[in-house]
Amino acid sequence: MSHTSPTGSVRWGIGVSRSDPPEGFRTSGSDPVGTRIVLVRHGEAHCNVVGIVGGPLGCGGLTELGQYQARALRDRLVASREFDDAVALYTSVLPRAVQTASIIQAGLPAHLQAQQDCELCELHPGEADAMTWDQVIDTFGDIDWDEDPYQPFAPGGESWMDFYERCERAIAAIVERHPGERVILVVHGGFIEQAMKILERKDPMVRLKLRTEHCSLTEIEFDGETRSLLRYNDRAPLAAE
């Protein structure tokens, strides 16, 4: 049982005075101590604009707008130095992610060199790479992962479940490699969606259908069995598209 003391502090039990609410009432926690993974979505890519499947062949790299988005994020990081404690920088092997990482690198610690890792790529499209979406459907048929998450995107490509398992494996490896540290990953909207499912312990077959903006920041802390969302879709100083 509690009551208020003459000084305004809350007393919990007998002879115990607290200025903070008890743990069960708190809405904020202590400073992060686990592995903090910062997921940066790449800037706008040519494949996003022209409507083709953006694997290694179809990516096309960043558009002019995508380069502007990456420079805006770089300028923010140069000014804020908010990731000066980062110990590693990883990127997928796709040109749009590699180029984004190269641009924002000036806002990160000078000693960081981007390490490319195919495990961080968007869903592998297989033979559908560089096709238009109409061509994909005409050639391989309709794809409905809500109905069948084990259906491959195209021959040689991944299914929704394959993609989830790869993302889960990649994140687990990075958490194990960097206990208690902050790392930067320049990745893709699909990878970030899978990371959010891992955070929330969602069924792997679920599709969140998030709208993750280009060059936005999502940060997740992994501390043993505890997972915390520190930010999502942080795109300041740019407005959402």
C-alpha atoms as a PDB file:
ATOM      1  CA  MET A   1       0.000   0.000   0.000  1.00  0.00           C
ATOM      2  CA  SER A   2       1.248   3.507  -0.778  1.00  0.00           C
ATOM      3  CA  HIS A   3       0.605   7.097   0.256  1.00  0.00           C
ATOM      4  CA  THR A   4       2.095  10.493  -0.510  1.00  0.00           C
ATOM      5  CA  SER A   5       4.563  12.025   1.913  1.00  0.00           C
ATOM      6  CA  PRO A   6       4.562  15.772   2.751  1.00  0.00           C
ATOM      7  CA  THR A   7       7.460  16.265   0.326  1.00  0.00           C
ATOM      8  CA  GLY A   8       5.450  14.871  -2.579  1.00  0.00           C
ATOM      9  CA  SER A   9       7.436  11.647  -3.023  1.00  0.00           C
ATOM     10  CA  VAL A  10       5.573   8.376  -3.072  1.00  0.00           C
ATOM     11  CA  ARG A  11       6.081   6.006  -0.164  1.00  0.00           C
ATOM     12  CA  TRP A  12       5.844   2.281  -0.914  1.00  0.00           C
ATOM     13  CA  GLY A  13       5.428   0.131   2.173  1.00  0.00           C
ATOM     14  CA  ILE A  14       6.803   1.128   5.554  1.00  0.00           C
ATOM     15  CA  GLY A  15       9.844   3.350   5.748  1.00  0.00           C
ATOM     16  CA  VAL A  16      10.616   3.207   2.008  1.00  0.00           C
ATOM     17  CA  SER A  17      10.426   6.437  -0.009  1.00  0.00           C
ATOM     18  CA  ARG A  18      10.689   6.453  -3.819  1.00  0.00           C
ATOM     19  CA  SER A  19      10.824   9.242  -6.353  1.00  0.00           C
ATOM     20  CA  ASP A  20      10.392   6.782  -9.261  1.00  0.00           C
ATOM     21  CA  PRO A  21       7.451   4.454  -9.860  1.00  0.00           C
ATOM     22  CA  PRO A  22       7.996   0.721  -9.220  1.00  0.00           C
ATOM     23  CA  GLU A  23       9.294  -1.428 -12.061  1.00  0.00           C
ATOM     24  CA  GLY A  24       5.856  -2.637 -13.145  1.00  0.00           C
ATOM     25  CA  PHE A  25       4.653   0.955 -13.656  1.00  0.00           C
ATOM     26  CA  ARG A  26       7.640   2.228 -15.613  1.00  0.00           C
ATOM     27  CA  THR A  27       7.282   3.080 -19.299  1.00  0.00           C
ATOM     28  CA  SER A  28      10.991   3.600 -19.968  1.00  0.00           C
ATOM     29  CA  GLY A  29      13.968   1.441 -19.199  1.00  0.00           C
ATOM     30  CA  SER A  30      17.624   1.842 -18.373  1.00  0.00           C
ATOM     31  CA  ASP A  31      20.269   2.527 -20.996  1.00  0.00           C
ATOM     32  CA  PRO A  32      20.661  -0.310 -23.533  1.00  0.00           C
ATOM     33  CA  VAL A  33      23.348  -2.852 -22.650  1.00  0.00           C
ATOM     34  CA  GLY A  34      22.694  -5.580 -25.235  1.00  0.00           C
ATOM     35  CA  THR A  35      23.704  -5.774 -28.884  1.00  0.00           C
ATOM     36  CA  ARG A  36      22.119  -2.878 -30.759  1.00  0.00           C
ATOM     37  CA  ILE A  37      21.518  -3.531 -34.438  1.00  0.00           C
ATOM     38  CA  VAL A  38      20.812  -0.386 -36.464  1.00  0.00           C
ATOM     39  CA  LEU A  39      19.030  -1.305 -39.699  1.00  0.00           C
ATOM     40  CA  VAL A  40      19.363   1.340 -42.412  1.00  0.00           C
ATOM     41  CA  ARG A  41      17.141   0.900 -45.434  1.00  0.00           C
ATOM     42  CA  HIS A  42      18.921   1.868 -48.652  1.00  0.00           C
ATOM     43  CA  GLY A  43      17.943   4.963 -50.632  1.00  0.00           C
ATOM     44  CA  GLU A  44      15.519   4.833 -53.535  1.00  0.00           C
ATOM     45  CA  ALA A  45      16.808   2.536 -56.294  1.00  0.00           C
ATOM     46  CA  HIS A  46      16.166   2.397 -60.022  1.00  0.00           C
ATOM     47  CA  CYS A  47      14.386  -0.940 -59.616  1.00  0.00           C
ATOM     48  CA  ASN A  48      11.937   0.722 -57.201  1.00  0.00           C
ATOM     49  CA  VAL A  49      11.065   3.368 -59.778  1.00  0.00           C
ATOM     50  CA  VAL A  50      10.834   1.340 -62.994  1.00  0.00           C
ATOM     51  CA  GLY A  51       9.073  -1.630 -61.407  1.00  0.00           C
ATOM     52  CA  ILE A  52      11.476  -4.480 -61.977  1.00  0.00           C
ATOM     53  CA  VAL A  53      12.739  -7.181 -59.658  1.00  0.00           C
ATOM     54  CA  GLY A  54      15.852  -5.826 -57.989  1.00  0.00           C
ATOM     55  CA  GLY A  55      18.262  -8.695 -57.606  1.00  0.00           C
ATOM     56  CA  PRO A  56      21.935  -8.359 -58.572  1.00  0.00           C
ATOM     57  CA  LEU A  57      20.996  -7.859 -62.258  1.00  0.00           C
ATOM     58  CA  GLY A  58      17.927  -5.698 -61.813  1.00  0.00           C
ATOM     59  CA  CYS A  59      18.967  -3.433 -58.938  1.00  0.00           C
ATOM     60  CA  GLY A  60      20.370  -0.573 -61.000  1.00  0.00           C
ATOM     61  CA  GLY A  61      21.773   1.220 -57.955  1.00  0.00           C
ATOM     62  CA  LEU A  62      20.508   4.450 -56.438  1.00  0.00           C
ATOM     63  CA  THR A  63      18.455   7.027 -58.293  1.00  0.00           C
ATOM     64  CA  GLU A  64      19.260  10.726 -57.975  1.00  0.00           C
ATOM     65  CA  LEU A  65      16.630  10.929 -55.241  1.00  0.00           C
ATOM     66  CA  GLY A  66      18.130   7.889 -53.539  1.00  0.00           C
ATOM     67  CA  GLN A  67      21.545   9.556 -53.493  1.00  0.00           C
ATOM     68  CA  TYR A  68      19.971  12.697 -52.013  1.00  0.00           C
ATOM     69  CA  GLN A  69      18.289  10.620 -49.298  1.00  0.00           C
ATOM     70  CA  ALA A  70      21.588   8.953 -48.421  1.00  0.00           C
ATOM     71  CA  ARG A  71      23.412  12.302 -48.331  1.00  0.00           C
ATOM     72  CA  ALA A  72      20.725  13.737 -46.044  1.00  0.00           C
ATOM     73  CA  LEU A  73      21.227  10.825 -43.649  1.00  0.00           C
ATOM     74  CA  ARG A  74      24.997  11.269 -43.883  1.00  0.00           C
ATOM     75  CA  ASP A  75      24.689  14.961 -43.000  1.00  0.00           C
ATOM     76  CA  ARG A  76      22.507  14.122 -40.014  1.00  0.00           C
ATOM     77  CA  LEU A  77      25.003  11.566 -38.736  1.00  0.00           C
ATOM     78  CA  VAL A  78      27.921  13.950 -39.270  1.00  0.00           C
ATOM     79  CA  ALA A  79      26.108  16.560 -37.178  1.00  0.00           C
ATOM     80  CA  SER A  80      24.735  14.274 -34.476  1.00  0.00           C
ATOM     81  CA  ARG A  81      27.591  11.730 -34.205  1.00  0.00           C
ATOM     82  CA  GLU A  82      24.914   9.448 -32.756  1.00  0.00           C
ATOM     83  CA  PHE A  83      26.627   6.291 -33.964  1.00  0.00           C
ATOM     84  CA  ASP A  84      30.183   7.117 -32.938  1.00  0.00           C
ATOM     85  CA  ASP A  85      30.125   4.038 -30.707  1.00  0.00           C
ATOM     86  CA  ALA A  86      29.394   1.693 -33.637  1.00  0.00           C
ATOM     87  CA  VAL A  87      31.978  -1.066 -33.990  1.00  0.00           C
ATOM     88  CA  ALA A  88      31.050  -2.508 -37.396  1.00  0.00           C
ATOM     89  CA  LEU A  89      29.324  -1.625 -40.654  1.00  0.00           C
ATOM     90  CA  TYR A  90      27.695  -4.351 -42.742  1.00  0.00           C
ATOM     91  CA  THR A  91      25.855  -4.125 -46.045  1.00  0.00           C
ATOM     92  CA  SER A  92      24.144  -6.485 -48.426  1.00  0.00           C
ATOM     93  CA  VAL A  93      25.881  -7.130 -51.737  1.00  0.00           C
ATOM     94  CA  LEU A  94      23.204  -5.374 -53.818  1.00  0.00           C
ATOM     95  CA  PRO A  95      24.359  -2.082 -55.416  1.00  0.00           C
ATOM     96  CA  ARG A  96      21.662   0.072 -53.783  1.00  0.00           C
ATOM     97  CA  ALA A  97      22.804  -0.990 -50.317  1.00  0.00           C
ATOM     98  CA  VAL A  98      26.515  -0.809 -51.103  1.00  0.00           C
ATOM     99  CA  GLN A  99      26.151   2.713 -52.514  1.00  0.00           C
ATOM    100  CA  THR A 100      24.069   3.869 -49.553  1.00  0.00           C
ATOM    101  CA  ALA A 101      26.686   2.565 -47.121  1.00  0.00           C
ATOM    102  CA  SER A 102      29.442   4.331 -49.050  1.00  0.00           C
ATOM    103  CA  ILE A 103      27.609   7.658 -48.862  1.00  0.00           C
ATOM    104  CA  ILE A 104      26.695   7.543 -45.156  1.00  0.00           C
ATOM    105  CA  GLN A 105      30.124   6.286 -44.105  1.00  0.00           C
ATOM    106  CA  ALA A 106      31.356   9.850 -43.468  1.00  0.00           C
ATOM    107  CA  GLY A 107      28.874  10.068 -40.574  1.00  0.00           C
ATOM    108  CA  LEU A 108      30.236   6.913 -38.940  1.00  0.00           C
ATOM    109  CA  PRO A 109      33.524   6.242 -37.135  1.00  0.00           C
ATOM    110  CA  ALA A 110      36.401   6.675 -39.556  1.00  0.00           C
ATOM    111  CA  HIS A 111      37.853   3.222 -38.933  1.00  0.00           C
ATOM    112  CA  LEU A 112      34.706   1.378 -40.069  1.00  0.00           C
ATOM    113  CA  GLN A 113      34.955  -0.353 -43.433  1.00  0.00           C
ATOM    114  CA  ALA A 114      31.772  -1.755 -44.945  1.00  0.00           C
ATOM    115  CA  GLN A 115      31.699  -5.551 -45.004  1.00  0.00           C
ATOM    116  CA  GLN A 116      29.433  -7.024 -47.686  1.00  0.00           C
ATOM    117  CA  ASP A 117      27.339 -10.023 -46.705  1.00  0.00           C
ATOM    118  CA  CYS A 118      24.860 -11.737 -49.017  1.00  0.00           C
ATOM    119  CA  GLU A 119      22.935 -12.951 -45.952  1.00  0.00           C
ATOM    120  CA  LEU A 120      21.699  -9.339 -45.593  1.00  0.00           C
ATOM    121  CA  CYS A 121      20.178  -9.143 -49.084  1.00  0.00           C
ATOM    122  CA  GLU A 122      16.555  -8.705 -50.032  1.00  0.00           C
ATOM    123  CA  LEU A 123      14.712 -11.923 -50.884  1.00  0.00           C
ATOM    124  CA  HIS A 124      16.708 -13.793 -53.543  1.00  0.00           C
ATOM    125  CA  PRO A 125      14.598 -13.665 -56.738  1.00  0.00           C
ATOM    126  CA  GLY A 126      16.325 -16.416 -58.703  1.00  0.00           C
ATOM    127  CA  GLU A 127      15.343 -16.437 -62.387  1.00  0.00           C
ATOM    128  CA  ALA A 128      12.936 -13.531 -61.862  1.00  0.00           C
ATOM    129  CA  ASP A 129      15.825 -11.083 -61.404  1.00  0.00           C
ATOM    130  CA  ALA A 130      15.484  -7.983 -63.656  1.00  0.00           C
ATOM    131  CA  MET A 131      12.010  -8.982 -64.875  1.00  0.00           C
ATOM    132  CA  THR A 132       9.025  -6.668 -64.650  1.00  0.00           C
ATOM    133  CA  TRP A 133       6.329  -7.808 -62.252  1.00  0.00           C
ATOM    134  CA  ASP A 134       4.021  -8.606 -65.166  1.00  0.00           C
ATOM    135  CA  GLN A 135       6.737 -10.763 -66.701  1.00  0.00           C
ATOM    136  CA  VAL A 136       7.196 -12.603 -63.405  1.00  0.00           C
ATOM    137  CA  ILE A 137       3.508 -13.493 -63.232  1.00  0.00           C
ATOM    138  CA  ASP A 138       3.293 -14.376 -66.924  1.00  0.00           C
ATOM    139  CA  THR A 139       6.355 -16.617 -66.695  1.00  0.00           C
ATOM    140  CA  PHE A 140       6.094 -18.227 -63.262  1.00  0.00           C
ATOM    141  CA  GLY A 141       2.470 -17.705 -62.285  1.00  0.00           C
ATOM    142  CA  ASP A 142       0.906 -15.763 -59.440  1.00  0.00           C
ATOM    143  CA  ILE A 143       2.644 -15.781 -56.057  1.00  0.00           C
ATOM    144  CA  ASP A 144       0.569 -15.688 -52.868  1.00  0.00           C
ATOM    145  CA  TRP A 145       2.691 -16.080 -49.748  1.00  0.00           C
ATOM    146  CA  ASP A 146      -0.332 -15.479 -47.527  1.00  0.00           C
ATOM    147  CA  GLU A 147      -1.659 -18.734 -48.992  1.00  0.00           C
ATOM    148  CA  ASP A 148       1.630 -20.647 -49.293  1.00  0.00           C
ATOM    149  CA  PRO A 149       4.733 -19.122 -47.621  1.00  0.00           C
ATOM    150  CA  TYR A 150       6.854 -22.040 -48.879  1.00  0.00           C
ATOM    151  CA  GLN A 151       6.268 -21.214 -52.554  1.00  0.00           C
ATOM    152  CA  PRO A 152       9.551 -20.120 -54.233  1.00  0.00           C
ATOM    153  CA  PHE A 153       9.454 -16.678 -55.796  1.00  0.00           C
ATOM    154  CA  ALA A 154      10.853 -18.173 -58.997  1.00  0.00           C
ATOM    155  CA  PRO A 155      13.116 -21.101 -59.905  1.00  0.00           C
ATOM    156  CA  GLY A 156      16.373 -20.669 -58.027  1.00  0.00           C
ATOM    157  CA  GLY A 157      14.783 -18.095 -55.725  1.00  0.00           C
ATOM    158  CA  GLU A 158      13.681 -18.106 -52.113  1.00  0.00           C
ATOM    159  CA  SER A 159      10.281 -18.598 -50.561  1.00  0.00           C
ATOM    160  CA  TRP A 160       8.973 -16.300 -47.825  1.00  0.00           C
ATOM    161  CA  MET A 161      10.006 -18.892 -45.236  1.00  0.00           C
ATOM    162  CA  ASP A 162      13.465 -19.323 -46.785  1.00  0.00           C
ATOM    163  CA  PHE A 163      13.912 -15.564 -46.521  1.00  0.00           C
ATOM    164  CA  TYR A 164      12.809 -15.463 -42.868  1.00  0.00           C
ATOM    165  CA  GLU A 165      15.188 -18.246 -41.911  1.00  0.00           C
ATOM    166  CA  ARG A 166      18.110 -16.531 -43.658  1.00  0.00           C
ATOM    167  CA  CYS A 167      17.407 -13.225 -41.903  1.00  0.00           C
ATOM    168  CA  GLU A 168      17.073 -14.986 -38.559  1.00  0.00           C
ATOM    169  CA  ARG A 169      20.390 -16.739 -39.121  1.00  0.00           C
ATOM    170  CA  ALA A 170      22.134 -13.504 -40.158  1.00  0.00           C
ATOM    171  CA  ILE A 171      20.892 -11.543 -37.148  1.00  0.00           C
ATOM    172  CA  ALA A 172      21.785 -14.339 -34.710  1.00  0.00           C
ATOM    173  CA  ALA A 173      25.332 -14.463 -36.113  1.00  0.00           C
ATOM    174  CA  ILE A 174      25.808 -10.701 -35.750  1.00  0.00           C
ATOM    175  CA  VAL A 175      24.432 -10.672 -32.195  1.00  0.00           C
ATOM    176  CA  GLU A 176      26.825 -13.488 -31.259  1.00  0.00           C
ATOM    177  CA  ARG A 177      29.744 -11.686 -32.939  1.00  0.00           C
ATOM    178  CA  HIS A 178      29.087  -8.337 -31.228  1.00  0.00           C
ATOM    179  CA  PRO A 179      27.860  -8.874 -27.643  1.00  0.00           C
ATOM    180  CA  GLY A 180      26.903  -5.579 -26.008  1.00  0.00           C
ATOM    181  CA  GLU A 181      27.972  -3.519 -29.035  1.00  0.00           C
ATOM    182  CA  ARG A 182      26.250  -1.354 -31.641  1.00  0.00           C
ATOM    183  CA  VAL A 183      26.520  -2.318 -35.301  1.00  0.00           C
ATOM    184  CA  ILE A 184      25.154  -0.720 -38.483  1.00  0.00           C
ATOM    185  CA  LEU A 185      23.492  -2.805 -41.202  1.00  0.00           C
ATOM    186  CA  VAL A 186      22.546  -1.253 -44.552  1.00  0.00           C
ATOM    187  CA  VAL A 187      19.797  -3.543 -45.763  1.00  0.00           C
ATOM    188  CA  HIS A 188      16.363  -3.723 -47.394  1.00  0.00           C
ATOM    189  CA  GLY A 189      12.727  -3.255 -46.530  1.00  0.00           C
ATOM    190  CA  GLY A 190      12.065  -6.988 -46.579  1.00  0.00           C
ATOM    191  CA  PHE A 191      14.986  -7.698 -44.259  1.00  0.00           C
ATOM    192  CA  ILE A 192      13.724  -5.063 -41.830  1.00  0.00           C
ATOM    193  CA  GLU A 193      10.253  -6.621 -41.855  1.00  0.00           C
ATOM    194  CA  GLN A 194      11.725  -9.997 -40.964  1.00  0.00           C
ATOM    195  CA  ALA A 195      13.794  -8.370 -38.191  1.00  0.00           C
ATOM    196  CA  MET A 196      10.631  -6.810 -36.759  1.00  0.00           C
ATOM    197  CA  LYS A 197       8.989 -10.242 -36.707  1.00  0.00           C
ATOM    198  CA  ILE A 198      12.022 -11.649 -34.892  1.00  0.00           C
ATOM    199  CA  LEU A 199      11.791  -8.768 -32.404  1.00  0.00           C
ATOM    200  CA  GLU A 200       8.103  -9.439 -31.713  1.00  0.00           C
ATOM    201  CA  ARG A 201       8.459 -13.239 -31.884  1.00  0.00           C
ATOM    202  CA  LYS A 202       5.797 -13.381 -34.575  1.00  0.00           C
ATOM    203  CA  ASP A 203       4.964 -16.531 -36.474  1.00  0.00           C
ATOM    204  CA  PRO A 204       7.531 -16.739 -39.327  1.00  0.00           C
ATOM    205  CA  MET A 205       4.710 -17.132 -41.832  1.00  0.00           C
ATOM    206  CA  VAL A 206       3.131 -13.789 -40.886  1.00  0.00           C
ATOM    207  CA  ARG A 207       3.523 -10.859 -43.269  1.00  0.00           C
ATOM    208  CA  LEU A 208       3.569  -7.492 -41.448  1.00  0.00           C
ATOM    209  CA  LYS A 209       3.366  -5.467 -44.683  1.00  0.00           C
ATOM    210  CA  LEU A 210       5.255  -2.565 -43.126  1.00  0.00           C
ATOM    211  CA  ARG A 211       5.955   0.716 -44.885  1.00  0.00           C
ATOM    212  CA  THR A 212       9.628   1.221 -44.127  1.00  0.00           C
ATOM    213  CA  GLU A 213      10.920   4.429 -45.715  1.00  0.00           C
ATOM    214  CA  HIS A 214      14.106   4.761 -47.750  1.00  0.00           C
ATOM    215  CA  CYS A 215      17.117   5.726 -45.636  1.00  0.00           C
ATOM    216  CA  SER A 216      15.148   5.314 -42.421  1.00  0.00           C
ATOM    217  CA  LEU A 217      16.698   3.925 -39.243  1.00  0.00           C
ATOM    218  CA  THR A 218      15.346   1.009 -37.239  1.00  0.00           C
ATOM    219  CA  GLU A 219      17.215  -0.056 -34.094  1.00  0.00           C
ATOM    220  CA  ILE A 220      16.674  -3.248 -32.123  1.00  0.00           C
ATOM    221  CA  GLU A 221      18.428  -4.298 -28.927  1.00  0.00           C
ATOM    222  CA  PHE A 222      19.131  -7.980 -28.302  1.00  0.00           C
ATOM    223  CA  ASP A 223      20.000  -8.709 -24.658  1.00  0.00           C
ATOM    224  CA  GLY A 224      19.796 -12.436 -24.025  1.00  0.00           C
ATOM    225  CA  GLU A 225      16.141 -13.384 -24.317  1.00  0.00           C
ATOM    226  CA  THR A 226      15.062  -9.731 -24.073  1.00  0.00           C
ATOM    227  CA  ARG A 227      14.457  -7.806 -27.304  1.00  0.00           C
ATOM    228  CA  SER A 228      13.624  -4.111 -27.378  1.00  0.00           C
ATOM    229  CA  LEU A 229      12.655  -1.755 -30.194  1.00  0.00           C
ATOM    230  CA  LEU A 230      14.678   1.434 -29.741  1.00  0.00           C
ATOM    231  CA  ARG A 231      13.430   3.161 -32.915  1.00  0.00           C
ATOM    232  CA  TYR A 232      11.547   2.427 -36.126  1.00  0.00           C
ATOM    233  CA  ASN A 233      11.315   4.382 -39.410  1.00  0.00           C
ATOM    234  CA  ASP A 234      13.390   7.246 -37.983  1.00  0.00           C
ATOM    235  CA  ARG A 235      13.854   9.457 -41.026  1.00  0.00           C
ATOM    236  CA  ALA A 236      14.547  12.873 -39.552  1.00  0.00           C
ATOM    237  CA  PRO A 237      15.160  15.410 -40.978  1.00  0.00           C
ATOM    238  CA  LEU A 238      13.243  14.115 -44.029  1.00  0.00           C
ATOM    239  CA  ALA A 239       9.490  13.728 -44.029  1.00  0.00           C
ATOM    240  CA  ALA A 240       7.864  10.404 -44.849  1.00  0.00           C
ATOM    241  CA  GLU A 241       7.207   9.890 -48.556  1.00  0.00           C
END
